[in-house]
Amino acid sequence: MRNDKHIAERLRRKGLSYSKIAKELGIAKSTLSDWFSRTTWSRDIKADLTGRANYISRKRLRLINKARCERFEAIRESNRQQAEKEFPMLLENPLFVAGINLYWGEGDSKAENAVVRLANTNPEMIRIFSRFLREVCEVPPEKFRASLVLYPDLKDEVCKKFWSKASGVPLEQFHKTQYIQGKHPTKRLSHGICSVIVGGRGFKEKVLQWIKLFYTTY
């Protein structure tokens, strides 16, 4: 009859984990813990195993993050190249030039924000930029979103209808309205601030590249 405890101790001293010993000998891990958890040498082995596992885990995580970054950069580069390829022909379109200049001046330019977003109080500016997205960039209607920032005395429904007409974005595609809370509750803007939003990291990359190409061209 084999001496399981003796064999288990020999395996443990070789640096095997409870899981591996339990699998090899068919012994419950709780039994192994009862035998060895209070011994100094076994606790030292546990600390060593934990340290090695943490090191391997950190190394694996670094490799995963590196691969993810390389993949994202490859996608970004592909989007930039596509933007460069399209730019010469698009530059002949006045609506493209108008849309790019509007976004250059008023749009969200942070590359890490994976949305194309332009906010303004001028309905004509919102109308032209929405046309740029729809007619030049061929953004599908369902991809459009809009949001409003209003003073407390402005009516949400009235303002949404106003900006829906200006932007062409259906009412059901508006986000929940935000209200300005401050010391001056009376309205200063007759219809508030409207943001037209289209999500997509790749699309954002292309728009920012178009802007860069535009100002380097002129």
N, C-alpha and C. Protein backbone atom coordinates (compact mmCIF):
# COMPACT_ATOMS: atom_id res chain seq x y z
N MET A 1 0.85 -1.20 0.00
CA MET A 1 0.00 0.00 0.00
C MET A 1 0.89 1.25 0.00
N ARG A 2 0.62 2.17 -0.88
CA ARG A 2 1.46 3.35 -0.98
C ARG A 2 1.20 4.30 0.18
N ASN A 3 2.21 5.04 0.51
CA ASN A 3 2.09 6.05 1.56
C ASN A 3 1.82 7.39 0.87
N ASP A 4 0.52 7.74 0.76
CA ASP A 4 0.14 8.93 0.01
C ASP A 4 0.75 10.20 0.58
N LYS A 5 0.78 10.30 1.89
CA LYS A 5 1.30 11.52 2.49
C LYS A 5 2.79 11.69 2.18
N HIS A 6 3.52 10.57 2.22
CA HIS A 6 4.95 10.63 1.93
C HIS A 6 5.19 11.03 0.48
N ILE A 7 4.42 10.41 -0.43
CA ILE A 7 4.57 10.73 -1.86
C ILE A 7 4.17 12.19 -2.11
N ALA A 8 3.07 12.61 -1.47
CA ALA A 8 2.60 13.98 -1.65
C ALA A 8 3.63 14.99 -1.15
N GLU A 9 4.28 14.66 -0.01
CA GLU A 9 5.30 15.57 0.52
C GLU A 9 6.48 15.68 -0.44
N ARG A 10 6.86 14.55 -1.00
CA ARG A 10 7.99 14.56 -1.94
C ARG A 10 7.67 15.43 -3.16
N LEU A 11 6.44 15.30 -3.66
CA LEU A 11 6.03 16.10 -4.81
C LEU A 11 5.93 17.58 -4.45
N ARG A 12 5.43 17.82 -3.23
CA ARG A 12 5.29 19.22 -2.79
C ARG A 12 6.66 19.89 -2.67
N ARG A 13 7.62 19.14 -2.12
CA ARG A 13 8.96 19.70 -1.95
C ARG A 13 9.64 19.96 -3.30
N LYS A 14 9.15 19.28 -4.34
CA LYS A 14 9.66 19.55 -5.68
C LYS A 14 9.07 20.83 -6.28
N GLY A 15 8.10 21.39 -5.53
CA GLY A 15 7.51 22.66 -5.98
C GLY A 15 6.19 22.52 -6.71
N LEU A 16 5.55 21.35 -6.62
CA LEU A 16 4.27 21.17 -7.28
C LEU A 16 3.16 21.83 -6.48
N SER A 17 2.16 22.31 -7.16
CA SER A 17 1.00 22.92 -6.51
C SER A 17 0.07 21.84 -5.99
N TYR A 18 -0.82 22.24 -5.07
CA TYR A 18 -1.83 21.30 -4.56
C TYR A 18 -2.65 20.72 -5.71
N SER A 19 -2.99 21.55 -6.69
CA SER A 19 -3.82 21.09 -7.81
C SER A 19 -3.14 19.96 -8.58
N LYS A 20 -1.83 20.12 -8.86
CA LYS A 20 -1.12 19.09 -9.61
C LYS A 20 -0.95 17.81 -8.80
N ILE A 21 -0.66 17.96 -7.51
CA ILE A 21 -0.52 16.78 -6.65
C ILE A 21 -1.84 16.05 -6.53
N ALA A 22 -2.91 16.81 -6.34
CA ALA A 22 -4.24 16.21 -6.20
C ALA A 22 -4.62 15.44 -7.46
N LYS A 23 -4.28 15.99 -8.61
CA LYS A 23 -4.60 15.33 -9.87
C LYS A 23 -3.77 14.07 -10.05
N GLU A 24 -2.49 14.12 -9.67
CA GLU A 24 -1.61 12.98 -9.85
C GLU A 24 -1.93 11.84 -8.90
N LEU A 25 -2.27 12.16 -7.65
CA LEU A 25 -2.48 11.12 -6.64
C LEU A 25 -3.95 10.82 -6.37
N GLY A 26 -4.85 11.65 -6.91
CA GLY A 26 -6.27 11.44 -6.64
C GLY A 26 -6.64 11.77 -5.21
N ILE A 27 -5.99 12.78 -4.65
CA ILE A 27 -6.24 13.20 -3.26
C ILE A 27 -6.89 14.58 -3.28
N ALA A 28 -7.83 14.80 -2.39
CA ALA A 28 -8.49 16.10 -2.31
C ALA A 28 -7.50 17.18 -1.90
N LYS A 29 -7.66 18.37 -2.45
CA LYS A 29 -6.77 19.48 -2.09
C LYS A 29 -6.91 19.86 -0.63
N SER A 30 -8.11 19.65 -0.09
CA SER A 30 -8.32 19.96 1.33
C SER A 30 -7.46 19.05 2.22
N THR A 31 -7.27 17.80 1.77
CA THR A 31 -6.41 16.87 2.53
C THR A 31 -4.96 17.34 2.48
N LEU A 32 -4.51 17.74 1.32
CA LEU A 32 -3.15 18.25 1.18
C LEU A 32 -2.94 19.49 2.04
N SER A 33 -3.95 20.33 2.09
CA SER A 33 -3.86 21.53 2.92
C SER A 33 -3.73 21.18 4.39
N ASP A 34 -4.51 20.18 4.82
CA ASP A 34 -4.41 19.73 6.22
C ASP A 34 -3.01 19.21 6.53
N TRP A 35 -2.40 18.55 5.57
CA TRP A 35 -1.07 17.97 5.81
C TRP A 35 0.04 19.03 5.84
N PHE A 36 -0.05 20.01 4.93
CA PHE A 36 1.12 20.86 4.71
C PHE A 36 0.95 22.36 4.98
N SER A 37 -0.28 22.85 5.11
CA SER A 37 -0.48 24.30 5.15
C SER A 37 0.18 24.97 6.35
N ARG A 38 0.40 24.22 7.41
CA ARG A 38 0.99 24.83 8.61
C ARG A 38 2.52 24.70 8.66
N THR A 39 3.09 24.06 7.65
CA THR A 39 4.55 23.90 7.63
C THR A 39 5.20 25.09 6.94
N THR A 40 6.32 25.52 7.47
CA THR A 40 7.01 26.69 6.91
C THR A 40 7.48 26.44 5.49
N TRP A 41 8.06 25.26 5.27
CA TRP A 41 8.60 24.97 3.95
C TRP A 41 7.51 24.98 2.88
N SER A 42 6.29 24.47 3.23
CA SER A 42 5.20 24.45 2.25
C SER A 42 4.68 25.86 1.97
N ARG A 43 4.64 26.68 3.03
CA ARG A 43 4.21 28.06 2.82
C ARG A 43 5.20 28.81 1.92
N ASP A 44 6.48 28.50 2.07
CA ASP A 44 7.49 29.12 1.19
C ASP A 44 7.28 28.71 -0.27
N ILE A 45 6.95 27.44 -0.46
CA ILE A 45 6.69 26.95 -1.82
C ILE A 45 5.45 27.64 -2.40
N LYS A 46 4.42 27.80 -1.56
CA LYS A 46 3.20 28.48 -2.01
C LYS A 46 3.51 29.91 -2.44
N ALA A 47 4.33 30.61 -1.63
CA ALA A 47 4.69 31.99 -1.97
C ALA A 47 5.46 32.04 -3.29
N ASP A 48 6.34 31.06 -3.50
CA ASP A 48 7.12 31.01 -4.73
C ASP A 48 6.21 30.74 -5.93
N LEU A 49 5.27 29.80 -5.76
CA LEU A 49 4.34 29.49 -6.85
C LEU A 49 3.46 30.69 -7.18
N THR A 50 3.01 31.39 -6.13
CA THR A 50 2.17 32.57 -6.35
C THR A 50 2.95 33.65 -7.09
N GLY A 51 4.21 33.84 -6.69
CA GLY A 51 5.04 34.84 -7.36
C GLY A 51 5.26 34.52 -8.82
N ARG A 52 5.53 33.24 -9.10
CA ARG A 52 5.75 32.84 -10.49
C ARG A 52 4.47 33.01 -11.31
N ALA A 53 3.32 32.64 -10.70
CA ALA A 53 2.04 32.76 -11.40
C ALA A 53 1.73 34.22 -11.71
N ASN A 54 2.02 35.10 -10.75
CA ASN A 54 1.78 36.53 -10.97
C ASN A 54 2.68 37.07 -12.06
N TYR A 55 3.93 36.62 -12.07
CA TYR A 55 4.87 37.08 -13.09
C TYR A 55 4.40 36.64 -14.48
N ILE A 56 4.00 35.38 -14.58
CA ILE A 56 3.52 34.86 -15.86
C ILE A 56 2.26 35.60 -16.30
N SER A 57 1.38 35.87 -15.32
CA SER A 57 0.14 36.59 -15.63
C SER A 57 0.42 38.00 -16.14
N ARG A 58 1.35 38.69 -15.47
CA ARG A 58 1.71 40.05 -15.91
C ARG A 58 2.35 40.03 -17.29
N LYS A 59 3.22 39.04 -17.52
CA LYS A 59 3.88 38.93 -18.82
C LYS A 59 2.86 38.66 -19.92
N ARG A 60 1.91 37.77 -19.62
CA ARG A 60 0.88 37.45 -20.61
C ARG A 60 0.02 38.69 -20.89
N LEU A 61 -0.30 39.43 -19.83
CA LEU A 61 -1.12 40.63 -20.00
C LEU A 61 -0.40 41.67 -20.85
N ARG A 62 0.92 41.81 -20.62
CA ARG A 62 1.69 42.76 -21.43
C ARG A 62 1.69 42.36 -22.90
N LEU A 63 1.82 41.05 -23.15
CA LEU A 63 1.80 40.57 -24.54
C LEU A 63 0.45 40.80 -25.19
N ILE A 64 -0.62 40.57 -24.42
CA ILE A 64 -1.98 40.80 -24.94
C ILE A 64 -2.18 42.27 -25.26
N ASN A 65 -1.76 43.13 -24.33
CA ASN A 65 -1.91 44.58 -24.55
C ASN A 65 -1.09 45.05 -25.75
N LYS A 66 0.12 44.50 -25.88
CA LYS A 66 0.96 44.87 -27.02
C LYS A 66 0.31 44.46 -28.34
N ALA A 67 -0.24 43.23 -28.36
CA ALA A 67 -0.90 42.75 -29.58
C ALA A 67 -2.13 43.59 -29.90
N ARG A 68 -2.88 43.97 -28.85
CA ARG A 68 -4.07 44.79 -29.06
C ARG A 68 -3.69 46.16 -29.61
N CYS A 69 -2.64 46.76 -29.03
CA CYS A 69 -2.19 48.07 -29.51
C CYS A 69 -1.72 48.01 -30.96
N GLU A 70 -1.00 46.94 -31.29
CA GLU A 70 -0.52 46.79 -32.67
C GLU A 70 -1.69 46.60 -33.64
N ARG A 71 -2.70 45.85 -33.18
CA ARG A 71 -3.88 45.64 -34.03
C ARG A 71 -4.64 46.95 -34.25
N PHE A 72 -4.84 47.72 -33.16
CA PHE A 72 -5.53 49.00 -33.27
C PHE A 72 -4.76 49.97 -34.17
N GLU A 73 -3.43 49.98 -34.02
CA GLU A 73 -2.62 50.89 -34.83
C GLU A 73 -2.69 50.51 -36.31
N ALA A 74 -2.74 49.20 -36.59
CA ALA A 74 -2.87 48.75 -37.98
C ALA A 74 -4.20 49.20 -38.57
N ILE A 75 -5.27 49.12 -37.76
CA ILE A 75 -6.59 49.57 -38.21
C ILE A 75 -6.58 51.08 -38.44
N ARG A 76 -5.96 51.81 -37.50
CA ARG A 76 -5.89 53.27 -37.63
C ARG A 76 -5.12 53.67 -38.89
N GLU A 77 -4.02 52.98 -39.14
CA GLU A 77 -3.22 53.29 -40.32
C GLU A 77 -4.01 53.00 -41.60
N SER A 78 -4.78 51.92 -41.58
CA SER A 78 -5.61 51.58 -42.73
C SER A 78 -6.65 52.67 -42.98
N ASN A 79 -7.26 53.18 -41.89
CA ASN A 79 -8.25 54.26 -42.03
C ASN A 79 -7.60 55.54 -42.56
N ARG A 80 -6.40 55.84 -42.08
CA ARG A 80 -5.70 57.04 -42.56
C ARG A 80 -5.36 56.92 -44.05
N GLN A 81 -4.92 55.74 -44.45
CA GLN A 81 -4.58 55.53 -45.87
C GLN A 81 -5.82 55.66 -46.75
N GLN A 82 -6.95 55.13 -46.25
CA GLN A 82 -8.20 55.24 -47.00
C GLN A 82 -8.61 56.70 -47.14
N ALA A 83 -8.44 57.47 -46.05
CA ALA A 83 -8.76 58.90 -46.10
C ALA A 83 -7.90 59.63 -47.12
N GLU A 84 -6.60 59.30 -47.17
CA GLU A 84 -5.68 59.93 -48.12
C GLU A 84 -6.06 59.58 -49.57
N LYS A 85 -6.50 58.36 -49.77
CA LYS A 85 -6.89 57.92 -51.11
C LYS A 85 -8.14 58.67 -51.59
N GLU A 86 -9.08 58.92 -50.67
CA GLU A 86 -10.35 59.56 -51.03
C GLU A 86 -10.23 61.08 -51.13
N PHE A 87 -9.24 61.65 -50.46
CA PHE A 87 -9.18 63.11 -50.28
C PHE A 87 -9.16 63.91 -51.58
N PRO A 88 -8.32 63.58 -52.57
CA PRO A 88 -8.24 64.43 -53.78
C PRO A 88 -9.59 64.61 -54.48
N MET A 89 -10.35 63.53 -54.60
CA MET A 89 -11.64 63.63 -55.27
C MET A 89 -12.65 64.38 -54.39
N LEU A 90 -12.63 64.10 -53.08
CA LEU A 90 -13.57 64.77 -52.17
C LEU A 90 -13.32 66.27 -52.13
N LEU A 91 -12.08 66.68 -52.30
CA LEU A 91 -11.73 68.10 -52.20
C LEU A 91 -12.43 68.94 -53.27
N GLU A 92 -12.89 68.29 -54.34
CA GLU A 92 -13.60 69.01 -55.40
C GLU A 92 -15.05 69.29 -55.02
N ASN A 93 -15.51 68.71 -53.92
CA ASN A 93 -16.90 68.87 -53.48
C ASN A 93 -16.98 70.00 -52.44
N PRO A 94 -17.70 71.10 -52.74
CA PRO A 94 -17.80 72.21 -51.79
C PRO A 94 -18.40 71.80 -50.44
N LEU A 95 -19.31 70.83 -50.45
CA LEU A 95 -19.91 70.39 -49.19
C LEU A 95 -18.89 69.67 -48.32
N PHE A 96 -17.97 68.94 -48.95
CA PHE A 96 -16.88 68.31 -48.19
C PHE A 96 -16.00 69.38 -47.54
N VAL A 97 -15.63 70.39 -48.31
CA VAL A 97 -14.78 71.46 -47.79
C VAL A 97 -15.48 72.17 -46.63
N ALA A 98 -16.79 72.43 -46.79
CA ALA A 98 -17.55 73.09 -45.73
C ALA A 98 -17.60 72.22 -44.47
N GLY A 99 -17.89 70.94 -44.65
CA GLY A 99 -18.01 70.04 -43.50
C GLY A 99 -16.70 69.88 -42.75
N ILE A 100 -15.60 69.74 -43.48
CA ILE A 100 -14.29 69.60 -42.85
C ILE A 100 -13.91 70.86 -42.08
N ASN A 101 -14.20 72.02 -42.67
CA ASN A 101 -13.87 73.27 -41.99
C ASN A 101 -14.74 73.48 -40.75
N LEU A 102 -16.00 73.10 -40.83
CA LEU A 102 -16.87 73.19 -39.66
C LEU A 102 -16.34 72.30 -38.53
N TYR A 103 -15.96 71.09 -38.90
CA TYR A 103 -15.49 70.17 -37.85
C TYR A 103 -14.14 70.62 -37.31
N TRP A 104 -13.31 71.13 -38.15
CA TRP A 104 -12.00 71.64 -37.73
C TRP A 104 -12.18 72.74 -36.68
N GLY A 105 -13.18 73.60 -36.89
CA GLY A 105 -13.39 74.71 -35.97
C GLY A 105 -14.25 74.38 -34.77
N GLU A 106 -15.22 73.48 -34.92
CA GLU A 106 -16.22 73.28 -33.87
C GLU A 106 -16.33 71.85 -33.35
N GLY A 107 -15.69 70.89 -34.01
CA GLY A 107 -15.90 69.49 -33.66
C GLY A 107 -15.00 68.96 -32.57
N ASP A 108 -15.34 67.79 -32.09
CA ASP A 108 -14.54 67.07 -31.09
C ASP A 108 -13.30 66.51 -31.79
N SER A 109 -12.13 67.03 -31.43
CA SER A 109 -10.91 66.64 -32.14
C SER A 109 -10.07 65.61 -31.39
N LYS A 110 -10.57 65.10 -30.27
CA LYS A 110 -9.80 64.12 -29.50
C LYS A 110 -9.90 62.75 -30.16
N ALA A 111 -8.77 62.22 -30.59
CA ALA A 111 -8.77 60.94 -31.31
C ALA A 111 -9.25 59.80 -30.44
N GLU A 112 -9.01 59.89 -29.12
CA GLU A 112 -9.40 58.80 -28.23
C GLU A 112 -10.91 58.70 -28.04
N ASN A 113 -11.63 59.78 -28.35
CA ASN A 113 -13.09 59.73 -28.31
C ASN A 113 -13.58 59.14 -29.63
N ALA A 114 -14.17 57.98 -29.56
CA ALA A 114 -14.52 57.25 -30.79
C ALA A 114 -15.84 57.73 -31.38
N VAL A 115 -16.06 59.04 -31.38
CA VAL A 115 -17.27 59.61 -31.97
C VAL A 115 -16.91 60.87 -32.74
N VAL A 116 -17.62 61.09 -33.82
CA VAL A 116 -17.59 62.37 -34.52
C VAL A 116 -18.74 63.19 -33.94
N ARG A 117 -18.39 64.31 -33.30
CA ARG A 117 -19.41 65.10 -32.60
C ARG A 117 -19.17 66.59 -32.86
N LEU A 118 -20.21 67.28 -33.31
CA LEU A 118 -20.14 68.72 -33.48
C LEU A 118 -21.30 69.36 -32.74
N ALA A 119 -20.99 70.34 -31.89
CA ALA A 119 -22.01 71.03 -31.10
C ALA A 119 -22.04 72.50 -31.50
N ASN A 120 -23.27 73.05 -31.62
CA ASN A 120 -23.39 74.46 -31.94
C ASN A 120 -24.79 74.97 -31.64
N THR A 121 -24.90 76.30 -31.59
CA THR A 121 -26.21 76.93 -31.36
C THR A 121 -26.83 77.41 -32.66
N ASN A 122 -26.08 77.34 -33.74
CA ASN A 122 -26.54 77.84 -35.04
C ASN A 122 -27.17 76.70 -35.84
N PRO A 123 -28.46 76.78 -36.14
CA PRO A 123 -29.11 75.69 -36.86
C PRO A 123 -28.57 75.49 -38.27
N GLU A 124 -28.12 76.56 -38.92
CA GLU A 124 -27.57 76.42 -40.27
C GLU A 124 -26.26 75.64 -40.25
N MET A 125 -25.46 75.86 -39.21
CA MET A 125 -24.21 75.12 -39.08
C MET A 125 -24.50 73.63 -38.87
N ILE A 126 -25.48 73.34 -38.02
CA ILE A 126 -25.88 71.95 -37.77
C ILE A 126 -26.45 71.32 -39.03
N ARG A 127 -27.23 72.10 -39.78
CA ARG A 127 -27.83 71.58 -41.01
C ARG A 127 -26.75 71.21 -42.03
N ILE A 128 -25.80 72.12 -42.24
CA ILE A 128 -24.75 71.87 -43.23
C ILE A 128 -23.87 70.69 -42.82
N PHE A 129 -23.52 70.63 -41.53
CA PHE A 129 -22.67 69.52 -41.09
C PHE A 129 -23.41 68.19 -41.21
N SER A 130 -24.70 68.18 -40.93
CA SER A 130 -25.49 66.95 -41.07
C SER A 130 -25.55 66.52 -42.52
N ARG A 131 -25.66 67.48 -43.42
CA ARG A 131 -25.63 67.16 -44.86
C ARG A 131 -24.28 66.58 -45.25
N PHE A 132 -23.21 67.15 -44.73
CA PHE A 132 -21.86 66.62 -44.99
C PHE A 132 -21.77 65.15 -44.57
N LEU A 133 -22.27 64.84 -43.39
CA LEU A 133 -22.24 63.45 -42.91
C LEU A 133 -23.08 62.54 -43.78
N ARG A 134 -24.24 63.05 -44.16
CA ARG A 134 -25.21 62.22 -44.87
C ARG A 134 -24.83 62.06 -46.35
N GLU A 135 -24.49 63.15 -47.02
CA GLU A 135 -24.31 63.14 -48.47
C GLU A 135 -22.87 62.86 -48.90
N VAL A 136 -21.91 63.35 -48.14
CA VAL A 136 -20.50 63.14 -48.50
C VAL A 136 -19.96 61.86 -47.88
N CYS A 137 -20.18 61.72 -46.57
CA CYS A 137 -19.63 60.55 -45.84
C CYS A 137 -20.53 59.33 -45.94
N GLU A 138 -21.76 59.53 -46.43
CA GLU A 138 -22.73 58.44 -46.62
C GLU A 138 -22.98 57.68 -45.31
N VAL A 139 -23.13 58.43 -44.23
CA VAL A 139 -23.47 57.83 -42.95
C VAL A 139 -24.92 57.37 -43.00
N PRO A 140 -25.21 56.11 -42.69
CA PRO A 140 -26.59 55.62 -42.71
C PRO A 140 -27.46 56.38 -41.71
N PRO A 141 -28.74 56.59 -42.01
CA PRO A 141 -29.62 57.36 -41.12
C PRO A 141 -29.67 56.84 -39.69
N GLU A 142 -29.61 55.51 -39.54
CA GLU A 142 -29.72 54.93 -38.20
C GLU A 142 -28.49 55.16 -37.34
N LYS A 143 -27.39 55.61 -37.95
CA LYS A 143 -26.16 55.86 -37.19
C LYS A 143 -26.14 57.24 -36.53
N PHE A 144 -27.04 58.11 -36.94
CA PHE A 144 -27.07 59.46 -36.39
C PHE A 144 -27.65 59.48 -34.98
N ARG A 145 -27.05 60.32 -34.14
CA ARG A 145 -27.60 60.62 -32.82
C ARG A 145 -27.49 62.13 -32.62
N ALA A 146 -28.33 62.64 -31.71
CA ALA A 146 -28.26 64.07 -31.38
C ALA A 146 -28.54 64.23 -29.89
N SER A 147 -28.02 65.30 -29.33
CA SER A 147 -28.28 65.60 -27.92
C SER A 147 -28.38 67.10 -27.74
N LEU A 148 -29.13 67.52 -26.72
CA LEU A 148 -29.35 68.94 -26.47
C LEU A 148 -28.89 69.32 -25.07
N VAL A 149 -28.42 70.56 -24.96
CA VAL A 149 -28.16 71.18 -23.67
C VAL A 149 -29.04 72.43 -23.61
N LEU A 150 -29.93 72.50 -22.61
CA LEU A 150 -30.92 73.57 -22.54
C LEU A 150 -30.88 74.29 -21.21
N TYR A 151 -31.36 75.54 -21.23
CA TYR A 151 -31.62 76.24 -19.98
C TYR A 151 -32.95 75.74 -19.42
N PRO A 152 -33.16 75.87 -18.11
CA PRO A 152 -34.34 75.27 -17.47
C PRO A 152 -35.68 75.72 -18.02
N ASP A 153 -35.77 76.94 -18.55
CA ASP A 153 -37.08 77.43 -19.01
C ASP A 153 -37.37 77.09 -20.47
N LEU A 154 -36.48 76.36 -21.11
CA LEU A 154 -36.73 75.93 -22.49
C LEU A 154 -37.46 74.59 -22.49
N LYS A 155 -38.41 74.45 -23.40
CA LYS A 155 -39.21 73.23 -23.48
C LYS A 155 -38.48 72.17 -24.31
N ASP A 156 -38.31 71.02 -23.71
CA ASP A 156 -37.56 69.93 -24.35
C ASP A 156 -38.17 69.53 -25.68
N GLU A 157 -39.48 69.31 -25.70
CA GLU A 157 -40.15 68.83 -26.91
C GLU A 157 -40.04 69.85 -28.05
N VAL A 158 -40.24 71.12 -27.72
CA VAL A 158 -40.15 72.18 -28.74
C VAL A 158 -38.75 72.26 -29.33
N CYS A 159 -37.75 72.21 -28.46
CA CYS A 159 -36.36 72.31 -28.92
C CYS A 159 -35.94 71.09 -29.73
N LYS A 160 -36.39 69.91 -29.31
CA LYS A 160 -36.04 68.71 -30.06
C LYS A 160 -36.63 68.76 -31.47
N LYS A 161 -37.87 69.23 -31.60
CA LYS A 161 -38.47 69.34 -32.92
C LYS A 161 -37.71 70.35 -33.79
N PHE A 162 -37.29 71.44 -33.17
CA PHE A 162 -36.53 72.46 -33.89
C PHE A 162 -35.23 71.88 -34.44
N TRP A 163 -34.49 71.19 -33.57
CA TRP A 163 -33.19 70.66 -33.98
C TRP A 163 -33.32 69.42 -34.86
N SER A 164 -34.39 68.68 -34.70
CA SER A 164 -34.63 67.54 -35.58
C SER A 164 -34.84 68.01 -37.01
N LYS A 165 -35.57 69.12 -37.16
CA LYS A 165 -35.79 69.69 -38.49
C LYS A 165 -34.48 70.20 -39.08
N ALA A 166 -33.65 70.83 -38.25
CA ALA A 166 -32.39 71.39 -38.74
C ALA A 166 -31.39 70.30 -39.13
N SER A 167 -31.34 69.24 -38.33
CA SER A 167 -30.32 68.20 -38.52
C SER A 167 -30.78 67.03 -39.37
N GLY A 168 -32.11 66.83 -39.42
CA GLY A 168 -32.62 65.65 -40.10
C GLY A 168 -32.56 64.39 -39.25
N VAL A 169 -32.17 64.53 -37.98
CA VAL A 169 -32.10 63.38 -37.07
C VAL A 169 -33.48 63.16 -36.46
N PRO A 170 -34.05 61.96 -36.58
CA PRO A 170 -35.38 61.69 -36.02
C PRO A 170 -35.41 61.89 -34.50
N LEU A 171 -36.56 62.26 -33.98
CA LEU A 171 -36.71 62.53 -32.55
C LEU A 171 -36.31 61.34 -31.70
N GLU A 172 -36.62 60.14 -32.17
CA GLU A 172 -36.32 58.94 -31.38
C GLU A 172 -34.82 58.65 -31.30
N GLN A 173 -34.01 59.37 -32.08
CA GLN A 173 -32.56 59.18 -32.04
C GLN A 173 -31.84 60.29 -31.26
N PHE A 174 -32.62 61.06 -30.50
CA PHE A 174 -32.05 62.06 -29.60
C PHE A 174 -31.78 61.43 -28.25
N HIS A 175 -30.62 61.76 -27.67
CA HIS A 175 -30.32 61.33 -26.31
C HIS A 175 -31.15 62.16 -25.32
N LYS A 176 -31.12 61.74 -24.07
CA LYS A 176 -31.81 62.49 -23.03
C LYS A 176 -31.19 63.89 -22.91
N THR A 177 -32.05 64.89 -22.85
CA THR A 177 -31.60 66.27 -22.78
C THR A 177 -30.94 66.59 -21.44
N GLN A 178 -29.87 67.37 -21.50
CA GLN A 178 -29.22 67.86 -20.29
C GLN A 178 -29.62 69.32 -20.08
N TYR A 179 -29.84 69.66 -18.82
CA TYR A 179 -30.22 71.04 -18.48
C TYR A 179 -29.09 71.72 -17.74
N ILE A 180 -28.86 72.99 -18.09
CA ILE A 180 -27.84 73.80 -17.43
C ILE A 180 -28.38 74.25 -16.08
N GLN A 181 -27.68 73.90 -15.02
CA GLN A 181 -28.05 74.33 -13.68
C GLN A 181 -27.07 75.40 -13.23
N GLY A 182 -27.57 76.61 -13.04
CA GLY A 182 -26.69 77.70 -12.64
C GLY A 182 -27.46 78.81 -11.98
N LYS A 183 -26.80 79.92 -11.80
CA LYS A 183 -27.41 81.06 -11.11
C LYS A 183 -28.34 81.86 -12.02
N HIS A 184 -28.29 81.57 -13.32
CA HIS A 184 -29.10 82.34 -14.27
C HIS A 184 -30.01 81.38 -15.03
N PRO A 185 -31.17 81.02 -14.44
CA PRO A 185 -32.05 80.02 -15.06
C PRO A 185 -32.77 80.51 -16.30
N THR A 186 -32.83 81.84 -16.53
CA THR A 186 -33.55 82.32 -17.70
C THR A 186 -32.78 81.99 -18.97
N LYS A 187 -33.52 81.80 -20.05
CA LYS A 187 -32.89 81.35 -21.29
C LYS A 187 -32.00 82.44 -21.90
N ARG A 188 -30.88 82.02 -22.40
CA ARG A 188 -29.98 82.91 -23.13
C ARG A 188 -29.89 82.47 -24.59
N LEU A 189 -30.20 81.21 -24.83
CA LEU A 189 -30.20 80.67 -26.19
C LEU A 189 -31.61 80.18 -26.48
N SER A 190 -32.18 80.62 -27.59
CA SER A 190 -33.59 80.35 -27.83
C SER A 190 -33.91 78.87 -27.99
N HIS A 191 -32.94 78.08 -28.45
CA HIS A 191 -33.18 76.65 -28.63
C HIS A 191 -32.05 75.79 -28.06
N GLY A 192 -31.19 76.38 -27.25
CA GLY A 192 -30.14 75.62 -26.61
C GLY A 192 -28.98 75.27 -27.54
N ILE A 193 -28.24 74.25 -27.14
CA ILE A 193 -27.07 73.78 -27.90
C ILE A 193 -27.37 72.38 -28.42
N CYS A 194 -27.15 72.17 -29.69
CA CYS A 194 -27.38 70.85 -30.29
C CYS A 194 -26.05 70.21 -30.68
N SER A 195 -25.92 68.93 -30.37
CA SER A 195 -24.76 68.14 -30.81
C SER A 195 -25.25 67.07 -31.78
N VAL A 196 -24.60 66.99 -32.93
CA VAL A 196 -24.84 65.90 -33.88
C VAL A 196 -23.70 64.91 -33.70
N ILE A 197 -24.06 63.63 -33.56
CA ILE A 197 -23.08 62.61 -33.16
C ILE A 197 -23.16 61.40 -34.08
N VAL A 198 -22.01 60.92 -34.51
CA VAL A 198 -21.91 59.65 -35.23
C VAL A 198 -20.77 58.86 -34.60
N GLY A 199 -21.08 57.66 -34.14
CA GLY A 199 -20.07 56.83 -33.49
C GLY A 199 -19.20 56.09 -34.49
N GLY A 200 -18.02 55.69 -34.02
CA GLY A 200 -17.13 54.89 -34.87
C GLY A 200 -15.71 55.40 -34.83
N ARG A 201 -14.81 54.61 -34.26
CA ARG A 201 -13.41 55.02 -34.15
C ARG A 201 -12.77 55.18 -35.54
N GLY A 202 -13.10 54.26 -36.44
CA GLY A 202 -12.53 54.33 -37.78
C GLY A 202 -12.96 55.59 -38.52
N PHE A 203 -14.23 55.91 -38.40
CA PHE A 203 -14.75 57.12 -39.06
C PHE A 203 -14.11 58.36 -38.47
N LYS A 204 -13.92 58.37 -37.15
CA LYS A 204 -13.27 59.52 -36.50
C LYS A 204 -11.84 59.68 -37.04
N GLU A 205 -11.14 58.57 -37.20
CA GLU A 205 -9.78 58.62 -37.74
C GLU A 205 -9.76 59.25 -39.13
N LYS A 206 -10.73 58.88 -39.95
CA LYS A 206 -10.77 59.40 -41.31
C LYS A 206 -11.04 60.91 -41.32
N VAL A 207 -11.98 61.35 -40.50
CA VAL A 207 -12.31 62.78 -40.46
C VAL A 207 -11.11 63.60 -40.00
N LEU A 208 -10.43 63.13 -38.95
CA LEU A 208 -9.25 63.85 -38.46
C LEU A 208 -8.13 63.86 -39.50
N GLN A 209 -8.00 62.76 -40.24
CA GLN A 209 -6.97 62.72 -41.29
C GLN A 209 -7.32 63.67 -42.43
N TRP A 210 -8.60 63.75 -42.78
CA TRP A 210 -9.03 64.70 -43.81
C TRP A 210 -8.67 66.13 -43.41
N ILE A 211 -8.91 66.46 -42.13
CA ILE A 211 -8.59 67.80 -41.65
C ILE A 211 -7.09 68.06 -41.77
N LYS A 212 -6.30 67.08 -41.37
CA LYS A 212 -4.84 67.23 -41.46
C LYS A 212 -4.41 67.43 -42.91
N LEU A 213 -4.97 66.64 -43.80
CA LEU A 213 -4.64 66.77 -45.22
C LEU A 213 -5.07 68.13 -45.76
N PHE A 214 -6.21 68.61 -45.27
CA PHE A 214 -6.72 69.90 -45.75
C PHE A 214 -5.79 71.03 -45.38
N TYR A 215 -5.40 71.10 -44.09
CA TYR A 215 -4.56 72.24 -43.70
C TYR A 215 -3.12 72.10 -44.18
N THR A 216 -2.67 70.89 -44.47
CA THR A 216 -1.32 70.76 -45.04
C THR A 216 -1.32 71.07 -46.54
N THR A 217 -2.49 70.90 -47.18
CA THR A 217 -2.61 71.22 -48.60
C THR A 217 -2.58 72.73 -48.83
N TYR A 218 -3.19 73.46 -47.90
CA TYR A 218 -3.27 74.91 -48.07
C TYR A 218 -2.32 75.64 -47.12
